[in-house]
Amino acid sequence: MAQKATIYKVDLSVSDMDRHYYESHKLTIAKHPSETDERMMLRILAFALNAHEQLEMTKGLSTDDEPDIWHKSLSGELELWITLGLPTEKIVRQSCGKAKKVIVYTYGGNTADMWWDKIKNSTTRFDHLSVVNLAEAETRALADLVSRSMQMQVNIQEGEVMVSVGDAIAYVTPITVK
């Protein structure tokens, strides 16, 4: 019998001084059985970094033709496509063809660096593609904050991110490589 997704409830409060965005979001997140705590927390972080009233978590790992997070306009056009991990060149190309803006959040240390070295030359034509790398030690610290029900505060200022859940705090510095 197949394992079922684990449900997490997150009360996310975003204070983004860089974008002047201050809102709270109630998120219900289905963590796929093959998804790690680290990846799930990165989905929440990516949501916070791009928070918008129309930003949505998608089925993610369950589907090949959807990103992890997207923002659709009221008319259904894909404004923003957010993917986590190390997508293939084909997936990056297809994503760029579907959305006005595409962001890939990479993580995993040296593996992410090798992926970027391999793919960067083929992405130069995509002006609407951003690639943001997250340090391995920082993403592991995020994974340590996980609980089934979280009151999470994300503060963003001058590109620095502070994530707190209860009394625990993790700091993240996203590095834009493209």
C-alpha atoms as a PDB file:
ATOM      1  CA  MET A   1       0.000   0.000   0.000  1.00  0.00           C
ATOM      2  CA  ALA A   2       1.303   3.445  -0.938  1.00  0.00           C
ATOM      3  CA  GLN A   3       2.235   5.847   1.809  1.00  0.00           C
ATOM      4  CA  LYS A   4       0.119   8.951   2.151  1.00  0.00           C
ATOM      5  CA  ALA A   5       1.304  12.531   2.372  1.00  0.00           C
ATOM      6  CA  THR A   6       1.830  14.012   5.830  1.00  0.00           C
ATOM      7  CA  ILE A   7      -0.100  17.220   6.433  1.00  0.00           C
ATOM      8  CA  TYR A   8       1.566  20.238   8.048  1.00  0.00           C
ATOM      9  CA  LYS A   9      -0.196  23.408   9.170  1.00  0.00           C
ATOM     10  CA  VAL A  10       1.807  26.626   8.975  1.00  0.00           C
ATOM     11  CA  ASP A  11       0.810  30.078  10.162  1.00  0.00           C
ATOM     12  CA  LEU A  12       3.338  32.073   8.144  1.00  0.00           C
ATOM     13  CA  SER A  13       3.981  35.714   8.926  1.00  0.00           C
ATOM     14  CA  VAL A  14       6.117  37.481   6.310  1.00  0.00           C
ATOM     15  CA  SER A  15       7.845  40.802   6.962  1.00  0.00           C
ATOM     16  CA  ASP A  16       9.719  41.636   3.767  1.00  0.00           C
ATOM     17  CA  MET A  17      11.339  45.035   4.240  1.00  0.00           C
ATOM     18  CA  ASP A  18      12.943  44.792   0.772  1.00  0.00           C
ATOM     19  CA  ARG A  19       9.580  44.550  -1.033  1.00  0.00           C
ATOM     20  CA  HIS A  20       7.470  46.304   1.633  1.00  0.00           C
ATOM     21  CA  TYR A  21       5.277  43.223   1.974  1.00  0.00           C
ATOM     22  CA  TYR A  22       3.803  42.451   5.394  1.00  0.00           C
ATOM     23  CA  GLU A  23       1.174  39.714   5.489  1.00  0.00           C
ATOM     24  CA  SER A  24       0.191  36.472   7.171  1.00  0.00           C
ATOM     25  CA  HIS A  25      -0.650  33.288   5.296  1.00  0.00           C
ATOM     26  CA  LYS A  26      -2.272  30.113   6.572  1.00  0.00           C
ATOM     27  CA  LEU A  27      -0.702  27.235   4.671  1.00  0.00           C
ATOM     28  CA  THR A  28      -1.684  23.585   4.624  1.00  0.00           C
ATOM     29  CA  ILE A  29       1.229  21.645   3.203  1.00  0.00           C
ATOM     30  CA  ALA A  30       1.122  18.061   2.043  1.00  0.00           C
ATOM     31  CA  LYS A  31       4.590  16.576   2.441  1.00  0.00           C
ATOM     32  CA  HIS A  32       5.064  13.833  -0.125  1.00  0.00           C
ATOM     33  CA  PRO A  33       6.442  10.573   1.396  1.00  0.00           C
ATOM     34  CA  SER A  34       9.671  10.976  -0.592  1.00  0.00           C
ATOM     35  CA  GLU A  35      10.127  14.646   0.372  1.00  0.00           C
ATOM     36  CA  THR A  36      12.613  15.551   3.095  1.00  0.00           C
ATOM     37  CA  ASP A  37      11.961  18.044   5.899  1.00  0.00           C
ATOM     38  CA  GLU A  38      14.664  20.219   4.322  1.00  0.00           C
ATOM     39  CA  ARG A  39      12.871  20.393   0.965  1.00  0.00           C
ATOM     40  CA  MET A  40       9.505  21.076   2.564  1.00  0.00           C
ATOM     41  CA  MET A  41      10.975  23.959   4.562  1.00  0.00           C
ATOM     42  CA  LEU A  42      12.541  25.299   1.373  1.00  0.00           C
ATOM     43  CA  ARG A  43       9.096  25.331  -0.230  1.00  0.00           C
ATOM     44  CA  ILE A  44       7.855  27.462   2.661  1.00  0.00           C
ATOM     45  CA  LEU A  45      10.922  29.714   2.427  1.00  0.00           C
ATOM     46  CA  ALA A  46      10.472  30.140  -1.345  1.00  0.00           C
ATOM     47  CA  PHE A  47       6.820  30.990  -0.698  1.00  0.00           C
ATOM     48  CA  ALA A  48       7.842  33.624   1.870  1.00  0.00           C
ATOM     49  CA  LEU A  49      10.513  35.124  -0.397  1.00  0.00           C
ATOM     50  CA  ASN A  50       7.932  35.608  -3.158  1.00  0.00           C
ATOM     51  CA  ALA A  51       4.807  36.029  -1.039  1.00  0.00           C
ATOM     52  CA  HIS A  52       1.810  37.457  -2.859  1.00  0.00           C
ATOM     53  CA  GLU A  53      -1.921  37.104  -2.346  1.00  0.00           C
ATOM     54  CA  GLN A  54      -2.202  34.894  -5.459  1.00  0.00           C
ATOM     55  CA  LEU A  55       0.875  32.748  -4.821  1.00  0.00           C
ATOM     56  CA  GLU A  56      -0.020  29.057  -4.434  1.00  0.00           C
ATOM     57  CA  MET A  57       1.654  25.801  -3.527  1.00  0.00           C
ATOM     58  CA  THR A  58       1.021  23.192  -6.227  1.00  0.00           C
ATOM     59  CA  LYS A  59       1.064  19.407  -6.232  1.00  0.00           C
ATOM     60  CA  GLY A  60       4.851  19.681  -6.662  1.00  0.00           C
ATOM     61  CA  LEU A  61       6.527  16.265  -6.528  1.00  0.00           C
ATOM     62  CA  SER A  62       3.279  14.571  -7.515  1.00  0.00           C
ATOM     63  CA  THR A  63       3.287  16.067 -11.029  1.00  0.00           C
ATOM     64  CA  ASP A  64       5.907  16.649 -13.702  1.00  0.00           C
ATOM     65  CA  ASP A  65       4.192  19.555 -15.452  1.00  0.00           C
ATOM     66  CA  GLU A  66       3.745  21.874 -12.457  1.00  0.00           C
ATOM     67  CA  PRO A  67       6.261  23.831 -10.424  1.00  0.00           C
ATOM     68  CA  ASP A  68       6.445  23.683  -6.645  1.00  0.00           C
ATOM     69  CA  ILE A  69       4.855  27.135  -6.366  1.00  0.00           C
ATOM     70  CA  TRP A  70       3.170  29.410  -8.853  1.00  0.00           C
ATOM     71  CA  HIS A  71       1.434  32.726  -9.187  1.00  0.00           C
ATOM     72  CA  LYS A  72      -1.318  32.898 -11.762  1.00  0.00           C
ATOM     73  CA  SER A  73      -2.926  36.146 -12.839  1.00  0.00           C
ATOM     74  CA  LEU A  74      -6.666  36.585 -12.497  1.00  0.00           C
ATOM     75  CA  SER A  75      -6.957  35.669 -16.186  1.00  0.00           C
ATOM     76  CA  GLY A  76      -5.034  32.406 -15.608  1.00  0.00           C
ATOM     77  CA  GLU A  77      -1.668  33.418 -17.095  1.00  0.00           C
ATOM     78  CA  LEU A  78       1.418  32.099 -15.309  1.00  0.00           C
ATOM     79  CA  GLU A  79       3.162  35.124 -13.819  1.00  0.00           C
ATOM     80  CA  LEU A  80       5.682  33.232 -11.679  1.00  0.00           C
ATOM     81  CA  TRP A  81       6.973  29.646 -11.768  1.00  0.00           C
ATOM     82  CA  ILE A  82       9.088  28.499  -8.803  1.00  0.00           C
ATOM     83  CA  THR A  83      10.980  25.215  -8.802  1.00  0.00           C
ATOM     84  CA  LEU A  84      13.199  23.723  -6.092  1.00  0.00           C
ATOM     85  CA  GLY A  85      16.183  21.502  -6.624  1.00  0.00           C
ATOM     86  CA  LEU A  86      18.185  20.768  -9.743  1.00  0.00           C
ATOM     87  CA  PRO A  87      15.817  20.569 -12.722  1.00  0.00           C
ATOM     88  CA  THR A  88      17.017  19.299 -16.074  1.00  0.00           C
ATOM     89  CA  GLU A  89      17.843  21.732 -18.852  1.00  0.00           C
ATOM     90  CA  LYS A  90      14.675  20.587 -20.637  1.00  0.00           C
ATOM     91  CA  ILE A  91      12.485  21.412 -17.624  1.00  0.00           C
ATOM     92  CA  VAL A  92      14.112  24.841 -17.257  1.00  0.00           C
ATOM     93  CA  ARG A  93      13.503  25.542 -20.954  1.00  0.00           C
ATOM     94  CA  GLN A  94       9.865  24.391 -20.742  1.00  0.00           C
ATOM     95  CA  SER A  95       9.273  26.426 -17.574  1.00  0.00           C
ATOM     96  CA  CYS A  96      10.650  29.550 -19.244  1.00  0.00           C
ATOM     97  CA  GLY A  97       8.262  28.964 -22.132  1.00  0.00           C
ATOM     98  CA  LYS A  98       5.248  28.773 -19.813  1.00  0.00           C
ATOM     99  CA  ALA A  99       5.748  31.652 -17.365  1.00  0.00           C
ATOM    100  CA  LYS A 100       6.663  35.331 -17.419  1.00  0.00           C
ATOM    101  CA  LYS A 101       9.194  34.821 -14.606  1.00  0.00           C
ATOM    102  CA  VAL A 102      10.914  31.612 -13.480  1.00  0.00           C
ATOM    103  CA  ILE A 103      12.910  31.138 -10.277  1.00  0.00           C
ATOM    104  CA  VAL A 104      14.905  28.002  -9.494  1.00  0.00           C
ATOM    105  CA  TYR A 105      15.996  27.631  -5.871  1.00  0.00           C
ATOM    106  CA  THR A 106      18.945  25.237  -5.731  1.00  0.00           C
ATOM    107  CA  TYR A 107      20.351  23.556  -2.641  1.00  0.00           C
ATOM    108  CA  GLY A 108      22.646  20.670  -1.835  1.00  0.00           C
ATOM    109  CA  GLY A 109      26.100  22.237  -1.695  1.00  0.00           C
ATOM    110  CA  ASN A 110      28.608  20.994  -4.281  1.00  0.00           C
ATOM    111  CA  THR A 111      25.909  19.125  -6.206  1.00  0.00           C
ATOM    112  CA  ALA A 112      24.066  22.401  -6.832  1.00  0.00           C
ATOM    113  CA  ASP A 113      27.304  24.090  -7.892  1.00  0.00           C
ATOM    114  CA  MET A 114      28.053  21.289 -10.387  1.00  0.00           C
ATOM    115  CA  TRP A 115      24.485  21.467 -11.733  1.00  0.00           C
ATOM    116  CA  TRP A 116      24.811  25.221 -12.307  1.00  0.00           C
ATOM    117  CA  ASP A 117      28.220  24.855 -14.017  1.00  0.00           C
ATOM    118  CA  LYS A 118      26.677  22.309 -16.380  1.00  0.00           C
ATOM    119  CA  ILE A 119      23.494  24.243 -17.203  1.00  0.00           C
ATOM    120  CA  LYS A 120      24.436  27.955 -17.044  1.00  0.00           C
ATOM    121  CA  ASN A 121      25.599  28.365 -20.649  1.00  0.00           C
ATOM    122  CA  SER A 122      22.319  27.009 -21.993  1.00  0.00           C
ATOM    123  CA  THR A 123      20.248  29.462 -19.908  1.00  0.00           C
ATOM    124  CA  THR A 124      21.788  32.752 -21.054  1.00  0.00           C
ATOM    125  CA  ARG A 125      18.918  33.471 -23.472  1.00  0.00           C
ATOM    126  CA  PHE A 126      16.307  33.381 -20.686  1.00  0.00           C
ATOM    127  CA  ASP A 127      16.240  36.924 -19.291  1.00  0.00           C
ATOM    128  CA  HIS A 128      13.236  36.062 -17.115  1.00  0.00           C
ATOM    129  CA  LEU A 129      15.035  33.163 -15.370  1.00  0.00           C
ATOM    130  CA  SER A 130      16.580  33.584 -11.922  1.00  0.00           C
ATOM    131  CA  VAL A 131      18.642  30.950 -10.166  1.00  0.00           C
ATOM    132  CA  VAL A 132      19.106  31.313  -6.409  1.00  0.00           C
ATOM    133  CA  ASN A 133      21.435  29.076  -4.420  1.00  0.00           C
ATOM    134  CA  LEU A 134      20.870  28.268  -0.752  1.00  0.00           C
ATOM    135  CA  ALA A 135      23.819  27.103   1.351  1.00  0.00           C
ATOM    136  CA  GLU A 136      23.701  23.534   2.587  1.00  0.00           C
ATOM    137  CA  ALA A 137      24.320  24.359   6.256  1.00  0.00           C
ATOM    138  CA  GLU A 138      21.537  26.965   6.183  1.00  0.00           C
ATOM    139  CA  THR A 139      18.966  24.635   4.605  1.00  0.00           C
ATOM    140  CA  ARG A 140      19.802  21.934   7.132  1.00  0.00           C
ATOM    141  CA  ALA A 141      19.211  24.457   9.922  1.00  0.00           C
ATOM    142  CA  LEU A 142      15.756  25.116   8.439  1.00  0.00           C
ATOM    143  CA  ALA A 143      14.984  21.391   8.553  1.00  0.00           C
ATOM    144  CA  ASP A 144      15.665  21.435  12.302  1.00  0.00           C
ATOM    145  CA  LEU A 145      12.734  23.852  12.776  1.00  0.00           C
ATOM    146  CA  VAL A 146      10.073  21.453  11.465  1.00  0.00           C
ATOM    147  CA  SER A 147       6.996  20.505  13.435  1.00  0.00           C
ATOM    148  CA  ARG A 148       3.523  19.422  12.298  1.00  0.00           C
ATOM    149  CA  SER A 149       1.989  22.728  13.361  1.00  0.00           C
ATOM    150  CA  MET A 150       4.202  25.796  13.013  1.00  0.00           C
ATOM    151  CA  GLN A 151       3.904  29.471  13.832  1.00  0.00           C
ATOM    152  CA  MET A 152       6.601  30.725  11.484  1.00  0.00           C
ATOM    153  CA  GLN A 153       7.952  34.267  11.208  1.00  0.00           C
ATOM    154  CA  VAL A 154      10.088  35.175   8.180  1.00  0.00           C
ATOM    155  CA  ASN A 155      11.882  38.514   8.228  1.00  0.00           C
ATOM    156  CA  ILE A 156      13.647  39.664   5.063  1.00  0.00           C
ATOM    157  CA  GLN A 157      15.917  42.699   5.006  1.00  0.00           C
ATOM    158  CA  GLU A 158      18.695  43.595   2.568  1.00  0.00           C
ATOM    159  CA  GLY A 159      18.663  40.058   1.164  1.00  0.00           C
ATOM    160  CA  GLU A 160      19.155  38.443   4.577  1.00  0.00           C
ATOM    161  CA  VAL A 161      16.453  36.102   5.857  1.00  0.00           C
ATOM    162  CA  MET A 162      15.665  35.214   9.451  1.00  0.00           C
ATOM    163  CA  VAL A 163      13.264  32.311   9.981  1.00  0.00           C
ATOM    164  CA  SER A 164      11.885  31.645  13.431  1.00  0.00           C
ATOM    165  CA  VAL A 165       9.612  28.912  14.718  1.00  0.00           C
ATOM    166  CA  GLY A 166       8.930  29.284  18.414  1.00  0.00           C
ATOM    167  CA  ASP A 167      12.236  30.035  20.133  1.00  0.00           C
ATOM    168  CA  ALA A 168      14.359  28.497  17.356  1.00  0.00           C
ATOM    169  CA  ILE A 169      15.916  30.721  14.692  1.00  0.00           C
ATOM    170  CA  ALA A 170      17.684  29.962  11.414  1.00  0.00           C
ATOM    171  CA  TYR A 171      19.416  32.471   9.162  1.00  0.00           C
ATOM    172  CA  VAL A 172      19.531  32.143   5.389  1.00  0.00           C
ATOM    173  CA  THR A 173      21.367  34.233   2.801  1.00  0.00           C
ATOM    174  CA  PRO A 174      20.029  33.405  -0.680  1.00  0.00           C
ATOM    175  CA  ILE A 175      22.728  33.906  -3.338  1.00  0.00           C
ATOM    176  CA  THR A 176      21.462  34.859  -6.795  1.00  0.00           C
ATOM    177  CA  VAL A 177      23.700  33.212  -9.402  1.00  0.00           C
ATOM    178  CA  LYS A 178      21.573  34.297 -12.395  1.00  0.00           C
END
